[in-house]
Amino acid sequence: MSYPRKRQELLKENEQLHQELDEAKETLRAITSGEVDALVVNTKSGEQVFTLQGADSFYRVAIENINEGAVTLSPEGVILYSNHYFARIMRTDLSKIIGASIFDLLARRTMSCSIDC
């Protein structure tokens, strides 16, 4: 990038940094309030799921053992947690569910269901 940078470039970069900061603040808020017990992080080697210490609470065991699909969503519809039964309903590996958009998954399921359900 050549210097001095133009005002418009700086304003655009500033807006992007504010958006990233807001996202980080929301993630920290969700972690500290107990809404999140795992994070999906994009790394150089691909997506990795990190569980938070103490996340193996009673509710997780209960949710994993029910014969119903269960997910935890971000406000934007990103799947933060899913039990195995939900992945089976969606006919998708659990590793592909976490971090995916619920809207995209439901749209794909609806399309495939119109063909083979």
PDB file of N, CA and C in Angstrom:
ATOM      1  N   MET A   1       0.845  -1.173   0.000  1.00  0.00           N
ATOM      2  CA  MET A   1       0.000   0.000   0.000  1.00  0.00           C
ATOM      3  C   MET A   1       0.894   1.241   0.000  1.00  0.00           C
ATOM      4  N   SER A   2       0.575   2.200  -0.831  1.00  0.00           N
ATOM      5  CA  SER A   2       1.396   3.412  -0.897  1.00  0.00           C
ATOM      6  C   SER A   2       0.948   4.402   0.180  1.00  0.00           C
ATOM      7  N   TYR A   3       1.905   5.182   0.632  1.00  0.00           N
ATOM      8  CA  TYR A   3       1.645   6.178   1.666  1.00  0.00           C
ATOM      9  C   TYR A   3       1.845   7.545   1.073  1.00  0.00           C
ATOM     10  N   PRO A   4       1.217   8.601   1.457  1.00  0.00           N
ATOM     11  CA  PRO A   4       0.159   8.627   2.458  1.00  0.00           C
ATOM     12  C   PRO A   4      -1.138   8.016   1.914  1.00  0.00           C
ATOM     13  N   ARG A   5      -1.864   7.366   2.797  1.00  0.00           N
ATOM     14  CA  ARG A   5      -3.112   6.723   2.403  1.00  0.00           C
ATOM     15  C   ARG A   5      -4.216   7.762   2.314  1.00  0.00           C
ATOM     16  N   LYS A   6      -5.139   7.499   1.444  1.00  0.00           N
ATOM     17  CA  LYS A   6      -6.250   8.422   1.233  1.00  0.00           C
ATOM     18  C   LYS A   6      -7.255   8.306   2.373  1.00  0.00           C
ATOM     19  N   ARG A   7      -7.916   9.425   2.595  1.00  0.00           N
ATOM     20  CA  ARG A   7      -8.918   9.505   3.663  1.00  0.00           C
ATOM     21  C   ARG A   7      -9.972   8.412   3.513  1.00  0.00           C
ATOM     22  N   GLN A   8     -10.436   8.164   2.305  1.00  0.00           N
ATOM     23  CA  GLN A   8     -11.470   7.151   2.065  1.00  0.00           C
ATOM     24  C   GLN A   8     -10.981   5.756   2.453  1.00  0.00           C
ATOM     25  N   GLU A   9      -9.718   5.449   2.165  1.00  0.00           N
ATOM     26  CA  GLU A   9      -9.143   4.154   2.541  1.00  0.00           C
ATOM     27  C   GLU A   9      -9.092   4.005   4.056  1.00  0.00           C
ATOM     28  N   LEU A  10      -8.701   5.073   4.727  1.00  0.00           N
ATOM     29  CA  LEU A  10      -8.628   5.037   6.187  1.00  0.00           C
ATOM     30  C   LEU A  10     -10.007   4.881   6.814  1.00  0.00           C
ATOM     31  N   LEU A  11     -11.008   5.561   6.265  1.00  0.00           N
ATOM     32  CA  LEU A  11     -12.371   5.438   6.780  1.00  0.00           C
ATOM     33  C   LEU A  11     -12.896   4.010   6.590  1.00  0.00           C
ATOM     34  N   LYS A  12     -12.612   3.420   5.432  1.00  0.00           N
ATOM     35  CA  LYS A  12     -13.040   2.048   5.156  1.00  0.00           C
ATOM     36  C   LYS A  12     -12.357   1.068   6.121  1.00  0.00           C
ATOM     37  N   GLU A  13     -11.054   1.231   6.318  1.00  0.00           N
ATOM     38  CA  GLU A  13     -10.321   0.362   7.238  1.00  0.00           C
ATOM     39  C   GLU A  13     -10.836   0.537   8.664  1.00  0.00           C
ATOM     40  N   ASN A  14     -11.104   1.773   9.057  1.00  0.00           N
ATOM     41  CA  ASN A  14     -11.629   2.053  10.389  1.00  0.00           C
ATOM     42  C   ASN A  14     -12.982   1.366  10.600  1.00  0.00           C
ATOM     43  N   GLU A  15     -13.841   1.416   9.614  1.00  0.00           N
ATOM     44  CA  GLU A  15     -15.148   0.766   9.706  1.00  0.00           C
ATOM     45  C   GLU A  15     -14.994  -0.745   9.834  1.00  0.00           C
ATOM     46  N   GLN A  16     -14.080  -1.333   9.071  1.00  0.00           N
ATOM     47  CA  GLN A  16     -13.835  -2.774   9.144  1.00  0.00           C
ATOM     48  C   GLN A  16     -13.316  -3.168  10.534  1.00  0.00           C
ATOM     49  N   LEU A  17     -12.408  -2.370  11.069  1.00  0.00           N
ATOM     50  CA  LEU A  17     -11.872  -2.651  12.404  1.00  0.00           C
ATOM     51  C   LEU A  17     -12.958  -2.535  13.477  1.00  0.00           C
ATOM     52  N   HIS A  18     -13.856  -1.575  13.320  1.00  0.00           N
ATOM     53  CA  HIS A  18     -14.966  -1.434  14.269  1.00  0.00           C
ATOM     54  C   HIS A  18     -15.885  -2.649  14.208  1.00  0.00           C
ATOM     55  N   GLN A  19     -16.138  -3.159  13.010  1.00  0.00           N
ATOM     56  CA  GLN A  19     -16.975  -4.343  12.870  1.00  0.00           C
ATOM     57  C   GLN A  19     -16.313  -5.557  13.525  1.00  0.00           C
ATOM     58  N   GLU A  20     -15.023  -5.717  13.312  1.00  0.00           N
ATOM     59  CA  GLU A  20     -14.300  -6.835  13.927  1.00  0.00           C
ATOM     60  C   GLU A  20     -14.305  -6.710  15.448  1.00  0.00           C
ATOM     61  N   LEU A  21     -14.140  -5.502  15.950  1.00  0.00           N
ATOM     62  CA  LEU A  21     -14.164  -5.276  17.390  1.00  0.00           C
ATOM     63  C   LEU A  21     -15.548  -5.597  17.965  1.00  0.00           C
ATOM     64  N   ASP A  22     -16.601  -5.170  17.287  1.00  0.00           N
ATOM     65  CA  ASP A  22     -17.956  -5.467  17.747  1.00  0.00           C
ATOM     66  C   ASP A  22     -18.200  -6.972  17.779  1.00  0.00           C
ATOM     67  N   GLU A  23     -17.713  -7.684  16.765  1.00  0.00           N
ATOM     68  CA  GLU A  23     -17.866  -9.139  16.731  1.00  0.00           C
ATOM     69  C   GLU A  23     -17.102  -9.788  17.883  1.00  0.00           C
ATOM     70  N   ALA A  24     -15.894  -9.318  18.150  1.00  0.00           N
ATOM     71  CA  ALA A  24     -15.096  -9.863  19.252  1.00  0.00           C
ATOM     72  C   ALA A  24     -15.783  -9.584  20.590  1.00  0.00           C
ATOM     73  N   LYS A  25     -16.332  -8.382  20.761  1.00  0.00           N
ATOM     74  CA  LYS A  25     -17.038  -8.051  22.000  1.00  0.00           C
ATOM     75  C   LYS A  25     -18.255  -8.955  22.190  1.00  0.00           C
ATOM     76  N   GLU A  26     -18.998  -9.206  21.114  1.00  0.00           N
ATOM     77  CA  GLU A  26     -20.176 -10.074  21.199  1.00  0.00           C
ATOM     78  C   GLU A  26     -19.768 -11.501  21.547  1.00  0.00           C
ATOM     79  N   THR A  27     -18.679 -11.978  20.976  1.00  0.00           N
ATOM     80  CA  THR A  27     -18.182 -13.316  21.293  1.00  0.00           C
ATOM     81  C   THR A  27     -17.800 -13.409  22.763  1.00  0.00           C
ATOM     82  N   LEU A  28     -17.074 -12.419  23.253  1.00  0.00           N
ATOM     83  CA  LEU A  28     -16.687 -12.410  24.668  1.00  0.00           C
ATOM     84  C   LEU A  28     -17.900 -12.323  25.585  1.00  0.00           C
ATOM     85  N   ARG A  29     -18.891 -11.528  25.211  1.00  0.00           N
ATOM     86  CA  ARG A  29     -20.114 -11.417  26.000  1.00  0.00           C
ATOM     87  C   ARG A  29     -20.816 -12.770  26.069  1.00  0.00           C
ATOM     88  N   ALA A  30     -20.904 -13.467  24.927  1.00  0.00           N
ATOM     89  CA  ALA A  30     -21.567 -14.768  24.889  1.00  0.00           C
ATOM     90  C   ALA A  30     -20.811 -15.799  25.721  1.00  0.00           C
ATOM     91  N   ILE A  31     -19.489 -15.747  25.681  1.00  0.00           N
ATOM     92  CA  ILE A  31     -18.678 -16.673  26.472  1.00  0.00           C
ATOM     93  C   ILE A  31     -18.880 -16.418  27.960  1.00  0.00           C
ATOM     94  N   THR A  32     -18.777 -15.158  28.368  1.00  0.00           N
ATOM     95  CA  THR A  32     -18.874 -14.843  29.793  1.00  0.00           C
ATOM     96  C   THR A  32     -20.276 -15.048  30.345  1.00  0.00           C
ATOM     97  N   SER A  33     -21.307 -14.980  29.495  1.00  0.00           N
ATOM     98  CA  SER A  33     -22.672 -15.201  29.975  1.00  0.00           C
ATOM     99  C   SER A  33     -23.056 -16.673  29.954  1.00  0.00           C
ATOM    100  N   GLY A  34     -22.168 -17.519  29.429  1.00  0.00           N
ATOM    101  CA  GLY A  34     -22.449 -18.951  29.396  1.00  0.00           C
ATOM    102  C   GLY A  34     -23.244 -19.399  28.192  1.00  0.00           C
ATOM    103  N   GLU A  35     -23.473 -18.519  27.230  1.00  0.00           N
ATOM    104  CA  GLU A  35     -24.218 -18.881  26.029  1.00  0.00           C
ATOM    105  C   GLU A  35     -23.403 -19.745  25.076  1.00  0.00           C
ATOM    106  N   VAL A  36     -22.090 -19.676  25.200  1.00  0.00           N
ATOM    107  CA  VAL A  36     -21.198 -20.388  24.288  1.00  0.00           C
ATOM    108  C   VAL A  36     -20.312 -21.321  25.093  1.00  0.00           C
ATOM    109  N   ASP A  37     -20.186 -22.558  24.633  1.00  0.00           N
ATOM    110  CA  ASP A  37     -19.257 -23.469  25.284  1.00  0.00           C
ATOM    111  C   ASP A  37     -18.243 -24.040  24.304  1.00  0.00           C
ATOM    112  N   ALA A  38     -18.278 -23.548  23.064  1.00  0.00           N
ATOM    113  CA  ALA A  38     -17.285 -23.955  22.069  1.00  0.00           C
ATOM    114  C   ALA A  38     -17.175 -22.862  21.019  1.00  0.00           C
ATOM    115  N   LEU A  39     -16.009 -22.761  20.421  1.00  0.00           N
ATOM    116  CA  LEU A  39     -15.769 -21.773  19.372  1.00  0.00           C
ATOM    117  C   LEU A  39     -15.207 -22.473  18.143  1.00  0.00           C
ATOM    118  N   VAL A  40     -15.632 -22.034  16.962  1.00  0.00           N
ATOM    119  CA  VAL A  40     -15.048 -22.507  15.711  1.00  0.00           C
ATOM    120  C   VAL A  40     -14.123 -21.400  15.233  1.00  0.00           C
ATOM    121  N   VAL A  41     -12.858 -21.736  15.036  1.00  0.00           N
ATOM    122  CA  VAL A  41     -11.858 -20.746  14.661  1.00  0.00           C
ATOM    123  C   VAL A  41     -11.236 -21.148  13.334  1.00  0.00           C
ATOM    124  N   ASN A  42     -11.195 -20.210  12.396  1.00  0.00           N
ATOM    125  CA  ASN A  42     -10.514 -20.452  11.128  1.00  0.00           C
ATOM    126  C   ASN A  42      -9.023 -20.236  11.329  1.00  0.00           C
ATOM    127  N   THR A  43      -8.248 -21.277  11.048  1.00  0.00           N
ATOM    128  CA  THR A  43      -6.798 -21.200  11.173  1.00  0.00           C
ATOM    129  C   THR A  43      -6.171 -21.514   9.823  1.00  0.00           C
ATOM    130  N   LYS A  44      -4.870 -21.394   9.739  1.00  0.00           N
ATOM    131  CA  LYS A  44      -4.178 -21.707   8.489  1.00  0.00           C
ATOM    132  C   LYS A  44      -4.398 -23.150   8.072  1.00  0.00           C
ATOM    133  N   SER A  45      -4.582 -24.036   9.048  1.00  0.00           N
ATOM    134  CA  SER A  45      -4.782 -25.455   8.740  1.00  0.00           C
ATOM    135  C   SER A  45      -6.261 -25.829   8.625  1.00  0.00           C
ATOM    136  N   GLY A  46      -7.149 -24.859   8.616  1.00  0.00           N
ATOM    137  CA  GLY A  46      -8.580 -25.107   8.484  1.00  0.00           C
ATOM    138  C   GLY A  46      -9.330 -24.768   9.759  1.00  0.00           C
ATOM    139  N   GLU A  47     -10.633 -25.074   9.764  1.00  0.00           N
ATOM    140  CA  GLU A  47     -11.463 -24.778  10.927  1.00  0.00           C
ATOM    141  C   GLU A  47     -11.118 -25.716  12.072  1.00  0.00           C
ATOM    142  N   GLN A  48     -11.069 -25.160  13.278  1.00  0.00           N
ATOM    143  CA  GLN A  48     -10.846 -25.948  14.475  1.00  0.00           C
ATOM    144  C   GLN A  48     -11.898 -25.559  15.507  1.00  0.00           C
ATOM    145  N   VAL A  49     -12.384 -26.564  16.220  1.00  0.00           N
ATOM    146  CA  VAL A  49     -13.371 -26.332  17.274  1.00  0.00           C
ATOM    147  C   VAL A  49     -12.649 -26.383  18.608  1.00  0.00           C
ATOM    148  N   PHE A  50     -12.824 -25.338  19.405  1.00  0.00           N
ATOM    149  CA  PHE A  50     -12.234 -25.261  20.736  1.00  0.00           C
ATOM    150  C   PHE A  50     -13.363 -25.254  21.752  1.00  0.00           C
ATOM    151  N   THR A  51     -13.314 -26.185  22.698  1.00  0.00           N
ATOM    152  CA  THR A  51     -14.316 -26.189  23.766  1.00  0.00           C
ATOM    153  C   THR A  51     -13.747 -25.426  24.948  1.00  0.00           C
ATOM    154  N   LEU A  52     -14.632 -24.786  25.669  1.00  0.00           N
ATOM    155  CA  LEU A  52     -14.221 -24.003  26.819  1.00  0.00           C
ATOM    156  C   LEU A  52     -14.186 -24.880  28.057  1.00  0.00           C
ATOM    157  N   GLN A  53     -13.252 -24.621  28.934  1.00  0.00           N
ATOM    158  CA  GLN A  53     -13.103 -25.391  30.170  1.00  0.00           C
ATOM    159  C   GLN A  53     -14.412 -25.367  30.950  1.00  0.00           C
ATOM    160  N   GLY A  54     -14.823 -26.533  31.414  1.00  0.00           N
ATOM    161  CA  GLY A  54     -16.060 -26.620  32.203  1.00  0.00           C
ATOM    162  C   GLY A  54     -17.306 -26.727  31.357  1.00  0.00           C
ATOM    163  N   ALA A  55     -17.155 -26.909  30.068  1.00  0.00           N
ATOM    164  CA  ALA A  55     -18.321 -26.939  29.183  1.00  0.00           C
ATOM    165  C   ALA A  55     -19.107 -28.242  29.283  1.00  0.00           C
ATOM    166  N   ASP A  56     -18.538 -29.287  29.860  1.00  0.00           N
ATOM    167  CA  ASP A  56     -19.229 -30.567  29.970  1.00  0.00           C
ATOM    168  C   ASP A  56     -20.199 -30.539  31.134  1.00  0.00           C
ATOM    169  N   SER A  57     -21.198 -29.722  31.022  1.00  0.00           N
ATOM    170  CA  SER A  57     -22.170 -29.592  32.097  1.00  0.00           C
ATOM    171  C   SER A  57     -23.329 -30.561  31.881  1.00  0.00           C
ATOM    172  N   PHE A  58     -24.191 -30.629  32.862  1.00  0.00           N
ATOM    173  CA  PHE A  58     -25.317 -31.554  32.845  1.00  0.00           C
ATOM    174  C   PHE A  58     -26.185 -31.379  31.599  1.00  0.00           C
ATOM    175  N   TYR A  59     -26.467 -30.142  31.233  1.00  0.00           N
ATOM    176  CA  TYR A  59     -27.364 -29.936  30.099  1.00  0.00           C
ATOM    177  C   TYR A  59     -26.789 -30.537  28.817  1.00  0.00           C
ATOM    178  N   ARG A  60     -25.481 -30.475  28.627  1.00  0.00           N
ATOM    179  CA  ARG A  60     -24.881 -31.033  27.410  1.00  0.00           C
ATOM    180  C   ARG A  60     -25.117 -32.544  27.349  1.00  0.00           C
ATOM    181  N   VAL A  61     -24.944 -33.225  28.463  1.00  0.00           N
ATOM    182  CA  VAL A  61     -25.172 -34.660  28.504  1.00  0.00           C
ATOM    183  C   VAL A  61     -26.634 -34.953  28.182  1.00  0.00           C
ATOM    184  N   ALA A  62     -27.537 -34.183  28.766  1.00  0.00           N
ATOM    185  CA  ALA A  62     -28.964 -34.379  28.515  1.00  0.00           C
ATOM    186  C   ALA A  62     -29.302 -34.131  27.050  1.00  0.00           C
ATOM    187  N   ILE A  63     -28.804 -33.060  26.475  1.00  0.00           N
ATOM    188  CA  ILE A  63     -29.086 -32.720  25.083  1.00  0.00           C
ATOM    189  C   ILE A  63     -28.528 -33.774  24.143  1.00  0.00           C
ATOM    190  N   GLU A  64     -27.348 -34.293  24.443  1.00  0.00           N
ATOM    191  CA  GLU A  64     -26.739 -35.311  23.583  1.00  0.00           C
ATOM    192  C   GLU A  64     -27.523 -36.620  23.613  1.00  0.00           C
ATOM    193  N   ASN A  65     -28.244 -36.888  24.683  1.00  0.00           N
ATOM    194  CA  ASN A  65     -28.919 -38.173  24.824  1.00  0.00           C
ATOM    195  C   ASN A  65     -30.403 -38.151  24.470  1.00  0.00           C
ATOM    196  N   ILE A  66     -30.947 -37.024  24.078  1.00  0.00           N
ATOM    197  CA  ILE A  66     -32.355 -36.996  23.669  1.00  0.00           C
ATOM    198  C   ILE A  66     -32.459 -37.379  22.197  1.00  0.00           C
ATOM    199  N   ASN A  67     -33.615 -37.873  21.808  1.00  0.00           N
ATOM    200  CA  ASN A  67     -33.845 -38.244  20.407  1.00  0.00           C
ATOM    201  C   ASN A  67     -34.528 -37.105  19.661  1.00  0.00           C
ATOM    202  N   GLU A  68     -33.996 -35.933  19.844  1.00  0.00           N
ATOM    203  CA  GLU A  68     -34.473 -34.722  19.181  1.00  0.00           C
ATOM    204  C   GLU A  68     -33.258 -33.938  18.721  1.00  0.00           C
ATOM    205  N   GLY A  69     -33.399 -33.227  17.617  1.00  0.00           N
ATOM    206  CA  GLY A  69     -32.319 -32.364  17.161  1.00  0.00           C
ATOM    207  C   GLY A  69     -32.261 -31.111  18.010  1.00  0.00           C
ATOM    208  N   ALA A  70     -31.061 -30.684  18.369  1.00  0.00           N
ATOM    209  CA  ALA A  70     -30.891 -29.475  19.184  1.00  0.00           C
ATOM    210  C   ALA A  70     -29.706 -28.690  18.667  1.00  0.00           C
ATOM    211  N   VAL A  71     -29.867 -27.376  18.573  1.00  0.00           N
ATOM    212  CA  VAL A  71     -28.784 -26.496  18.151  1.00  0.00           C
ATOM    213  C   VAL A  71     -28.796 -25.240  19.001  1.00  0.00           C
ATOM    214  N   THR A  72     -27.637 -24.609  19.096  1.00  0.00           N
ATOM    215  CA  THR A  72     -27.520 -23.276  19.673  1.00  0.00           C
ATOM    216  C   THR A  72     -27.070 -22.376  18.536  1.00  0.00           C
ATOM    217  N   LEU A  73     -27.788 -21.276  18.349  1.00  0.00           N
ATOM    218  CA  LEU A  73     -27.529 -20.374  17.228  1.00  0.00           C
ATOM    219  C   LEU A  73     -27.031 -19.020  17.702  1.00  0.00           C
ATOM    220  N   SER A  74     -26.205 -18.404  16.873  1.00  0.00           N
ATOM    221  CA  SER A  74     -25.859 -17.000  17.099  1.00  0.00           C
ATOM    222  C   SER A  74     -27.043 -16.160  16.617  1.00  0.00           C
ATOM    223  N   PRO A  75     -27.081 -14.876  16.935  1.00  0.00           N
ATOM    224  CA  PRO A  75     -28.170 -14.022  16.440  1.00  0.00           C
ATOM    225  C   PRO A  75     -28.262 -14.001  14.908  1.00  0.00           C
ATOM    226  N   GLU A  76     -27.148 -14.296  14.226  1.00  0.00           N
ATOM    227  CA  GLU A  76     -27.135 -14.290  12.763  1.00  0.00           C
ATOM    228  C   GLU A  76     -27.520 -15.642  12.162  1.00  0.00           C
ATOM    229  N   GLY A  77     -27.775 -16.651  13.009  1.00  0.00           N
ATOM    230  CA  GLY A  77     -28.160 -17.960  12.506  1.00  0.00           C
ATOM    231  C   GLY A  77     -27.008 -18.917  12.291  1.00  0.00           C
ATOM    232  N   VAL A  78     -25.818 -18.588  12.817  1.00  0.00           N
ATOM    233  CA  VAL A  78     -24.673 -19.494  12.726  1.00  0.00           C
ATOM    234  C   VAL A  78     -24.812 -20.530  13.839  1.00  0.00           C
ATOM    235  N   ILE A  79     -24.609 -21.795  13.495  1.00  0.00           N
ATOM    236  CA  ILE A  79     -24.744 -22.868  14.468  1.00  0.00           C
ATOM    237  C   ILE A  79     -23.495 -22.924  15.331  1.00  0.00           C
ATOM    238  N   LEU A  80     -23.671 -22.656  16.616  1.00  0.00           N
ATOM    239  CA  LEU A  80     -22.576 -22.665  17.566  1.00  0.00           C
ATOM    240  C   LEU A  80     -22.426 -24.034  18.231  1.00  0.00           C
ATOM    241  N   TYR A  81     -23.541 -24.756  18.343  1.00  0.00           N
ATOM    242  CA  TYR A  81     -23.533 -26.084  18.939  1.00  0.00           C
ATOM    243  C   TYR A  81     -24.641 -26.895  18.290  1.00  0.00           C
ATOM    244  N   SER A  82     -24.411 -28.175  18.122  1.00  0.00           N
ATOM    245  CA  SER A  82     -25.427 -29.085  17.609  1.00  0.00           C
ATOM    246  C   SER A  82     -25.220 -30.445  18.239  1.00  0.00           C
ATOM    247  N   ASN A  83     -26.310 -31.129  18.523  1.00  0.00           N
ATOM    248  CA  ASN A  83     -26.149 -32.504  18.978  1.00  0.00           C
ATOM    249  C   ASN A  83     -26.094 -33.433  17.759  1.00  0.00           C
ATOM    250  N   HIS A  84     -25.731 -34.686  17.999  1.00  0.00           N
ATOM    251  CA  HIS A  84     -25.563 -35.647  16.909  1.00  0.00           C
ATOM    252  C   HIS A  84     -26.879 -35.946  16.197  1.00  0.00           C
ATOM    253  N   TYR A  85     -27.975 -35.917  16.939  1.00  0.00           N
ATOM    254  CA  TYR A  85     -29.266 -36.229  16.340  1.00  0.00           C
ATOM    255  C   TYR A  85     -29.647 -35.186  15.293  1.00  0.00           C
ATOM    256  N   PHE A  86     -29.363 -33.922  15.555  1.00  0.00           N
ATOM    257  CA  PHE A  86     -29.660 -32.879  14.564  1.00  0.00           C
ATOM    258  C   PHE A  86     -28.852 -33.118  13.294  1.00  0.00           C
ATOM    259  N   ALA A  87     -27.590 -33.476  13.445  1.00  0.00           N
ATOM    260  CA  ALA A  87     -26.749 -33.761  12.270  1.00  0.00           C
ATOM    261  C   ALA A  87     -27.335 -34.926  11.479  1.00  0.00           C
ATOM    262  N   ARG A  88     -27.839 -35.937  12.188  1.00  0.00           N
ATOM    263  CA  ARG A  88     -28.447 -37.084  11.502  1.00  0.00           C
ATOM    264  C   ARG A  88     -29.699 -36.647  10.748  1.00  0.00           C
ATOM    265  N   ILE A  89     -30.528 -35.807  11.353  1.00  0.00           N
ATOM    266  CA  ILE A  89     -31.728 -35.293  10.688  1.00  0.00           C
ATOM    267  C   ILE A  89     -31.348 -34.548   9.408  1.00  0.00           C
ATOM    268  N   MET A  90     -30.267 -33.762   9.500  1.00  0.00           N
ATOM    269  CA  MET A  90     -29.839 -32.951   8.360  1.00  0.00           C
ATOM    270  C   MET A  90     -29.021 -33.753   7.350  1.00  0.00           C
ATOM    271  N   ARG A  91     -28.754 -35.034   7.677  1.00  0.00           N
ATOM    272  CA  ARG A  91     -27.959 -35.913   6.806  1.00  0.00           C
ATOM    273  C   ARG A  91     -26.601 -35.295   6.478  1.00  0.00           C
ATOM    274  N   THR A  92     -25.977 -34.766   7.524  1.00  0.00           N
ATOM    275  CA  THR A  92     -24.688 -34.087   7.391  1.00  0.00           C
ATOM    276  C   THR A  92     -23.801 -34.473   8.564  1.00  0.00           C
ATOM    277  N   ASP A  93     -22.501 -34.545   8.324  1.00  0.00           N
ATOM    278  CA  ASP A  93     -21.560 -34.807   9.418  1.00  0.00           C
ATOM    279  C   ASP A  93     -21.636 -33.676  10.430  1.00  0.00           C
ATOM    280  N   LEU A  94     -21.533 -34.028  11.700  1.00  0.00           N
ATOM    281  CA  LEU A  94     -21.562 -33.020  12.759  1.00  0.00           C
ATOM    282  C   LEU A  94     -20.462 -31.985  12.558  1.00  0.00           C
ATOM    283  N   SER A  95     -19.305 -32.407  12.064  1.00  0.00           N
ATOM    284  CA  SER A  95     -18.199 -31.469  11.851  1.00  0.00           C
ATOM    285  C   SER A  95     -18.543 -30.395  10.820  1.00  0.00           C
ATOM    286  N   LYS A  96     -19.503 -30.672   9.952  1.00  0.00           N
ATOM    287  CA  LYS A  96     -19.915 -29.686   8.949  1.00  0.00           C
ATOM    288  C   LYS A  96     -21.065 -28.817   9.430  1.00  0.00           C
ATOM    289  N   ILE A  97     -21.685 -29.206  10.531  1.00  0.00           N
ATOM    290  CA  ILE A  97     -22.811 -28.444  11.079  1.00  0.00           C
ATOM    291  C   ILE A  97     -22.317 -27.238  11.870  1.00  0.00           C
ATOM    292  N   ILE A  98     -21.348 -27.464  12.768  1.00  0.00           N
ATOM    293  CA  ILE A  98     -20.844 -26.390  13.623  1.00  0.00           C
ATOM    294  C   ILE A  98     -20.201 -25.313  12.749  1.00  0.00           C
ATOM    295  N   GLY A  99     -20.657 -24.086  12.902  1.00  0.00           N
ATOM    296  CA  GLY A  99     -20.131 -22.975  12.119  1.00  0.00           C
ATOM    297  C   GLY A  99     -20.908 -22.703  10.843  1.00  0.00           C
ATOM    298  N   ALA A 100     -21.840 -23.589  10.495  1.00  0.00           N
ATOM    299  CA  ALA A 100     -22.639 -23.399   9.281  1.00  0.00           C
ATOM    300  C   ALA A 100     -23.835 -22.491   9.564  1.00  0.00           C
ATOM    301  N   SER A 101     -24.429 -21.989   8.513  1.00  0.00           N
ATOM    302  CA  SER A 101     -25.638 -21.185   8.628  1.00  0.00           C
ATOM    303  C   SER A 101     -26.848 -22.109   8.698  1.00  0.00           C
ATOM    304  N   ILE A 102     -27.696 -21.927   9.688  1.00  0.00           N
ATOM    305  CA  ILE A 102     -28.910 -22.734   9.803  1.00  0.00           C
ATOM    306  C   ILE A 102     -29.796 -22.532   8.578  1.00  0.00           C
ATOM    307  N   PHE A 103     -29.787 -21.328   8.028  1.00  0.00           N
ATOM    308  CA  PHE A 103     -30.625 -21.024   6.871  1.00  0.00           C
ATOM    309  C   PHE A 103     -30.158 -21.807   5.648  1.00  0.00           C
ATOM    310  N   ASP A 104     -28.840 -21.880   5.445  1.00  0.00           N
ATOM    311  CA  ASP A 104     -28.292 -22.649   4.331  1.00  0.00           C
ATOM    312  C   ASP A 104     -28.592 -24.130   4.487  1.00  0.00           C
ATOM    313  N   LEU A 105     -28.410 -24.654   5.704  1.00  0.00           N
ATOM    314  CA  LEU A 105     -28.684 -26.074   5.941  1.00  0.00           C
ATOM    315  C   LEU A 105     -30.144 -26.419   5.687  1.00  0.00           C
ATOM    316  N   LEU A 106     -31.043 -25.583   6.178  1.00  0.00           N
ATOM    317  CA  LEU A 106     -32.470 -25.844   5.992  1.00  0.00           C
ATOM    318  C   LEU A 106     -32.869 -25.735   4.529  1.00  0.00           C
ATOM    319  N   ALA A 107     -32.286 -24.781   3.825  1.00  0.00           N
ATOM    320  CA  ALA A 107     -32.588 -24.639   2.397  1.00  0.00           C
ATOM    321  C   ALA A 107     -32.118 -25.875   1.626  1.00  0.00           C
ATOM    322  N   ARG A 108     -30.901 -26.357   1.922  1.00  0.00           N
ATOM    323  CA  ARG A 108     -30.393 -27.564   1.244  1.00  0.00           C
ATOM    324  C   ARG A 108     -31.247 -28.773   1.588  1.00  0.00           C
ATOM    325  N   ARG A 109     -31.631 -28.885   2.856  1.00  0.00           N
ATOM    326  CA  ARG A 109     -32.456 -30.025   3.290  1.00  0.00           C
ATOM    327  C   ARG A 109     -33.807 -29.993   2.610  1.00  0.00           C
ATOM    328  N   THR A 110     -34.391 -28.813   2.486  1.00  0.00           N
ATOM    329  CA  THR A 110     -35.680 -28.675   1.827  1.00  0.00           C
ATOM    330  C   THR A 110     -35.567 -29.073   0.355  1.00  0.00           C
ATOM    331  N   MET A 111     -34.499 -28.640  -0.314  1.00  0.00           N
ATOM    332  CA  MET A 111     -34.318 -28.989  -1.722  1.00  0.00           C
ATOM    333  C   MET A 111     -34.115 -30.493  -1.898  1.00  0.00           C
ATOM    334  N   SER A 112     -33.287 -31.098  -1.030  1.00  0.00           N
ATOM    335  CA  SER A 112     -33.033 -32.534  -1.182  1.00  0.00           C
ATOM    336  C   SER A 112     -34.269 -33.336  -0.796  1.00  0.00           C
ATOM    337  N   CYS A 113     -35.069 -32.822   0.131  1.00  0.00           N
ATOM    338  CA  CYS A 113     -36.266 -33.511   0.551  1.00  0.00           C
ATOM    339  C   CYS A 113     -37.308 -33.518  -0.569  1.00  0.00           C
ATOM    340  N   SER A 114     -37.350 -32.474  -1.348  1.00  0.00           N
ATOM    341  CA  SER A 114     -38.318 -32.438  -2.442  1.00  0.00           C
ATOM    342  C   SER A 114     -37.988 -33.484  -3.503  1.00  0.00           C
ATOM    343  N   ILE A 115     -36.736 -33.952  -3.483  1.00  0.00           N
ATOM    344  CA  ILE A 115     -36.312 -34.960  -4.462  1.00  0.00           C
ATOM    345  C   ILE A 115     -36.426 -36.369  -3.899  1.00  0.00           C
ATOM    346  N   ASP A 116     -35.965 -36.605  -2.654  1.00  0.00           N
ATOM    347  CA  ASP A 116     -35.863 -37.972  -2.152  1.00  0.00           C
ATOM    348  C   ASP A 116     -36.543 -38.252  -0.808  1.00  0.00           C
ATOM    349  N   CYS A 117     -37.378 -37.381  -0.291  1.00  0.00           N
ATOM    350  CA  CYS A 117     -38.036 -37.662   0.999  1.00  0.00           C
ATOM    351  C   CYS A 117     -39.411 -38.239   0.822  1.00  0.00           C
TER     352      CYS A 117
END
